[in-house]
Amino acid sequence: MYDETVVGDILTTLKKSKKKVSLIVAADSYIYFGDLLPLFSAMAEALEIGGYIAFTLENVSRESQESLTTSRPNWKWQLTASGRFAHRKEYVISVAEQRSLVLLHYEALKGFRHEKGSPVEGHLFVLRKSLSFGEL
């Protein structure tokens, strides 16, 4: 199914990649990035046209979303008590679009993991590198 598996720091690995990749899968690992622009830039550069990215991110609780939307209407991400980042769906889609990455599938994940006995809200994103400018 694949030619090669590469393990390492995602930004370093993608920047050093000599050949384009067709698929990037990251489960529960992008939660350590606040600003996603450097990550999405590296992924878009390393990904071949028409290639796919599938990943999960944390989201804040519904109560926190309401509070953040009131206090900071344009919030992008929030550092959580666990030391990981929760990202706003609209921010992720915006950064993806800036890098010619088209959203193919989005799914809210309710309790996809538990932290100290409490469910953690999350997102699942599947993106494809745009085939053409008009596809955006």
C-alpha atoms as a PDB file:
ATOM      1  CA  MET A   1       0.000   0.000   0.000  1.00  0.00           C
ATOM      2  CA  TYR A   2       2.924   2.381   0.501  1.00  0.00           C
ATOM      3  CA  ASP A   3       6.515   2.738  -0.611  1.00  0.00           C
ATOM      4  CA  GLU A   4       8.016   4.221   2.522  1.00  0.00           C
ATOM      5  CA  THR A   5       7.177   5.168   6.096  1.00  0.00           C
ATOM      6  CA  VAL A   6       9.039   8.103   7.617  1.00  0.00           C
ATOM      7  CA  VAL A   7       9.158   8.797  11.353  1.00  0.00           C
ATOM      8  CA  GLY A   8      10.405  12.037  12.886  1.00  0.00           C
ATOM      9  CA  ASP A   9       9.573  15.635  13.681  1.00  0.00           C
ATOM     10  CA  ILE A  10       6.890  16.550  11.164  1.00  0.00           C
ATOM     11  CA  LEU A  11       8.231  19.971  10.159  1.00  0.00           C
ATOM     12  CA  THR A  12      11.823  18.748   9.764  1.00  0.00           C
ATOM     13  CA  THR A  13      10.743  15.599   7.941  1.00  0.00           C
ATOM     14  CA  LEU A  14       8.506  17.437   5.485  1.00  0.00           C
ATOM     15  CA  LYS A  15      11.047  20.166   4.792  1.00  0.00           C
ATOM     16  CA  LYS A  16      13.810  17.601   4.113  1.00  0.00           C
ATOM     17  CA  SER A  17      11.625  15.413   1.905  1.00  0.00           C
ATOM     18  CA  LYS A  18      13.227  15.055  -1.516  1.00  0.00           C
ATOM     19  CA  LYS A  19      10.121  13.599  -3.123  1.00  0.00           C
ATOM     20  CA  LYS A  20       6.460  14.525  -2.923  1.00  0.00           C
ATOM     21  CA  VAL A  21       4.185  12.470  -0.695  1.00  0.00           C
ATOM     22  CA  SER A  22       0.676  11.317  -1.528  1.00  0.00           C
ATOM     23  CA  LEU A  23      -0.725  10.824   1.976  1.00  0.00           C
ATOM     24  CA  ILE A  24      -0.145  12.352   5.411  1.00  0.00           C
ATOM     25  CA  VAL A  25      -1.974  10.869   8.408  1.00  0.00           C
ATOM     26  CA  ALA A  26      -1.661  12.389  11.882  1.00  0.00           C
ATOM     27  CA  ALA A  27      -3.808  11.177  14.754  1.00  0.00           C
ATOM     28  CA  ASP A  28      -3.676  13.287  17.899  1.00  0.00           C
ATOM     29  CA  SER A  29      -0.295  14.824  17.110  1.00  0.00           C
ATOM     30  CA  TYR A  30      -1.032  18.297  15.707  1.00  0.00           C
ATOM     31  CA  ILE A  31      -2.442  19.266  19.110  1.00  0.00           C
ATOM     32  CA  TYR A  32       1.039  20.475  20.040  1.00  0.00           C
ATOM     33  CA  PHE A  33       0.915  23.300  17.483  1.00  0.00           C
ATOM     34  CA  GLY A  34      -0.851  26.574  18.223  1.00  0.00           C
ATOM     35  CA  ASP A  35      -0.326  28.453  14.960  1.00  0.00           C
ATOM     36  CA  LEU A  36      -0.993  25.936  12.185  1.00  0.00           C
ATOM     37  CA  LEU A  37       0.351  28.042   9.311  1.00  0.00           C
ATOM     38  CA  PRO A  38       3.961  26.715   9.433  1.00  0.00           C
ATOM     39  CA  LEU A  39       2.674  23.136   9.630  1.00  0.00           C
ATOM     40  CA  PHE A  40       0.180  23.538   6.783  1.00  0.00           C
ATOM     41  CA  SER A  41       2.820  25.304   4.675  1.00  0.00           C
ATOM     42  CA  ALA A  42       5.216  22.374   5.143  1.00  0.00           C
ATOM     43  CA  MET A  43       2.489  19.826   4.385  1.00  0.00           C
ATOM     44  CA  ALA A  44       1.347  21.669   1.252  1.00  0.00           C
ATOM     45  CA  GLU A  45       4.930  21.926   0.010  1.00  0.00           C
ATOM     46  CA  ALA A  46       5.650  18.222   0.552  1.00  0.00           C
ATOM     47  CA  LEU A  47       2.302  16.933  -0.753  1.00  0.00           C
ATOM     48  CA  GLU A  48       1.829  16.069  -4.404  1.00  0.00           C
ATOM     49  CA  ILE A  49      -1.059  17.674  -6.310  1.00  0.00           C
ATOM     50  CA  GLY A  50      -4.173  15.662  -5.467  1.00  0.00           C
ATOM     51  CA  GLY A  51      -2.535  14.178  -2.336  1.00  0.00           C
ATOM     52  CA  TYR A  52      -4.448  13.735   0.923  1.00  0.00           C
ATOM     53  CA  ILE A  53      -4.038  14.759   4.551  1.00  0.00           C
ATOM     54  CA  ALA A  54      -6.117  13.235   7.362  1.00  0.00           C
ATOM     55  CA  PHE A  55      -5.684  14.450  10.931  1.00  0.00           C
ATOM     56  CA  THR A  56      -7.379  15.069  14.241  1.00  0.00           C
ATOM     57  CA  LEU A  57      -7.272  18.119  16.485  1.00  0.00           C
ATOM     58  CA  GLU A  58      -8.750  18.956  19.845  1.00  0.00           C
ATOM     59  CA  ASN A  59     -11.625  21.374  20.172  1.00  0.00           C
ATOM     60  CA  VAL A  60     -12.719  23.282  23.247  1.00  0.00           C
ATOM     61  CA  SER A  61     -15.875  22.306  25.094  1.00  0.00           C
ATOM     62  CA  ARG A  62     -19.198  23.835  24.017  1.00  0.00           C
ATOM     63  CA  GLU A  63     -19.139  26.077  27.113  1.00  0.00           C
ATOM     64  CA  SER A  64     -15.630  27.277  26.310  1.00  0.00           C
ATOM     65  CA  GLN A  65     -16.612  27.887  22.677  1.00  0.00           C
ATOM     66  CA  GLU A  66     -19.451  30.149  23.772  1.00  0.00           C
ATOM     67  CA  SER A  67     -17.212  32.014  26.210  1.00  0.00           C
ATOM     68  CA  LEU A  68     -14.391  32.440  23.678  1.00  0.00           C
ATOM     69  CA  THR A  69     -16.769  33.552  20.941  1.00  0.00           C
ATOM     70  CA  THR A  70     -18.115  36.232  23.272  1.00  0.00           C
ATOM     71  CA  SER A  71     -14.764  37.406  24.664  1.00  0.00           C
ATOM     72  CA  ARG A  72     -12.597  36.841  21.558  1.00  0.00           C
ATOM     73  CA  PRO A  73     -14.887  36.521  18.506  1.00  0.00           C
ATOM     74  CA  ASN A  74     -12.021  35.697  16.120  1.00  0.00           C
ATOM     75  CA  TRP A  75     -10.203  33.192  18.311  1.00  0.00           C
ATOM     76  CA  LYS A  76      -8.052  30.666  16.429  1.00  0.00           C
ATOM     77  CA  TRP A  77      -6.697  28.311  19.063  1.00  0.00           C
ATOM     78  CA  GLN A  78      -6.669  27.945  22.805  1.00  0.00           C
ATOM     79  CA  LEU A  79      -3.968  26.475  25.027  1.00  0.00           C
ATOM     80  CA  THR A  80      -5.682  23.981  27.312  1.00  0.00           C
ATOM     81  CA  ALA A  81      -4.844  22.982  30.893  1.00  0.00           C
ATOM     82  CA  SER A  82      -3.222  19.809  29.517  1.00  0.00           C
ATOM     83  CA  GLY A  83      -0.624  21.898  27.653  1.00  0.00           C
ATOM     84  CA  ARG A  84      -2.121  20.967  24.281  1.00  0.00           C
ATOM     85  CA  PHE A  85      -3.882  23.254  21.839  1.00  0.00           C
ATOM     86  CA  ALA A  86      -7.551  23.196  20.884  1.00  0.00           C
ATOM     87  CA  HIS A  87      -8.341  24.699  17.474  1.00  0.00           C
ATOM     88  CA  ARG A  88     -11.397  26.398  16.063  1.00  0.00           C
ATOM     89  CA  LYS A  89     -12.836  24.646  12.999  1.00  0.00           C
ATOM     90  CA  GLU A  90     -13.098  27.868  10.976  1.00  0.00           C
ATOM     91  CA  TYR A  91      -9.443  28.697  11.661  1.00  0.00           C
ATOM     92  CA  VAL A  92      -8.263  25.270  10.465  1.00  0.00           C
ATOM     93  CA  ILE A  93     -10.289  25.556   7.255  1.00  0.00           C
ATOM     94  CA  SER A  94      -9.008  29.101   6.648  1.00  0.00           C
ATOM     95  CA  VAL A  95      -5.353  28.067   7.023  1.00  0.00           C
ATOM     96  CA  ALA A  96      -5.947  25.059   4.773  1.00  0.00           C
ATOM     97  CA  GLU A  97      -7.466  27.227   2.053  1.00  0.00           C
ATOM     98  CA  GLN A  98      -4.506  29.636   2.244  1.00  0.00           C
ATOM     99  CA  ARG A  99      -2.280  26.690   1.296  1.00  0.00           C
ATOM    100  CA  SER A 100      -4.503  25.289  -1.513  1.00  0.00           C
ATOM    101  CA  LEU A 101      -5.751  22.460   0.690  1.00  0.00           C
ATOM    102  CA  VAL A 102      -9.420  21.675   0.065  1.00  0.00           C
ATOM    103  CA  LEU A 103     -11.659  20.319   2.809  1.00  0.00           C
ATOM    104  CA  LEU A 104     -13.143  16.982   1.714  1.00  0.00           C
ATOM    105  CA  HIS A 105     -14.549  15.806   5.017  1.00  0.00           C
ATOM    106  CA  TYR A 106     -15.094  17.228   8.488  1.00  0.00           C
ATOM    107  CA  GLU A 107     -16.422  15.417  11.506  1.00  0.00           C
ATOM    108  CA  ALA A 108     -16.877  16.648  15.062  1.00  0.00           C
ATOM    109  CA  LEU A 109     -15.521  14.056  17.476  1.00  0.00           C
ATOM    110  CA  LYS A 110     -17.315  13.944  20.795  1.00  0.00           C
ATOM    111  CA  GLY A 111     -15.205  12.333  23.481  1.00  0.00           C
ATOM    112  CA  PHE A 112     -12.636  10.892  21.073  1.00  0.00           C
ATOM    113  CA  ARG A 113     -10.229  10.643  23.996  1.00  0.00           C
ATOM    114  CA  HIS A 114     -10.513  11.024  27.760  1.00  0.00           C
ATOM    115  CA  GLU A 115      -8.387  13.311  29.908  1.00  0.00           C
ATOM    116  CA  LYS A 116      -8.473  12.622  33.652  1.00  0.00           C
ATOM    117  CA  GLY A 117     -11.789  10.826  33.228  1.00  0.00           C
ATOM    118  CA  SER A 118     -13.439  13.609  31.202  1.00  0.00           C
ATOM    119  CA  PRO A 119     -14.212  13.368  27.471  1.00  0.00           C
ATOM    120  CA  VAL A 120     -12.193  15.579  25.122  1.00  0.00           C
ATOM    121  CA  GLU A 121     -13.929  17.202  22.165  1.00  0.00           C
ATOM    122  CA  GLY A 122     -12.168  17.016  18.833  1.00  0.00           C
ATOM    123  CA  HIS A 123     -12.283  17.302  15.060  1.00  0.00           C
ATOM    124  CA  LEU A 124     -11.405  15.043  12.167  1.00  0.00           C
ATOM    125  CA  PHE A 125     -10.304  16.760   8.955  1.00  0.00           C
ATOM    126  CA  VAL A 126      -9.580  15.243   5.560  1.00  0.00           C
ATOM    127  CA  LEU A 127      -7.984  17.603   3.037  1.00  0.00           C
ATOM    128  CA  ARG A 128      -6.712  17.287  -0.518  1.00  0.00           C
ATOM    129  CA  LYS A 129      -4.099  19.428  -2.206  1.00  0.00           C
ATOM    130  CA  SER A 130      -5.953  21.382  -4.865  1.00  0.00           C
ATOM    131  CA  LEU A 131      -5.778  20.131  -8.417  1.00  0.00           C
ATOM    132  CA  SER A 132      -6.292  23.615  -9.757  1.00  0.00           C
ATOM    133  CA  PHE A 133      -6.801  27.163  -8.557  1.00  0.00           C
ATOM    134  CA  GLY A 134     -10.449  27.055  -9.636  1.00  0.00           C
ATOM    135  CA  GLU A 135     -11.132  24.099  -7.325  1.00  0.00           C
ATOM    136  CA  LEU A 136     -10.786  26.325  -4.282  1.00  0.00           C
END
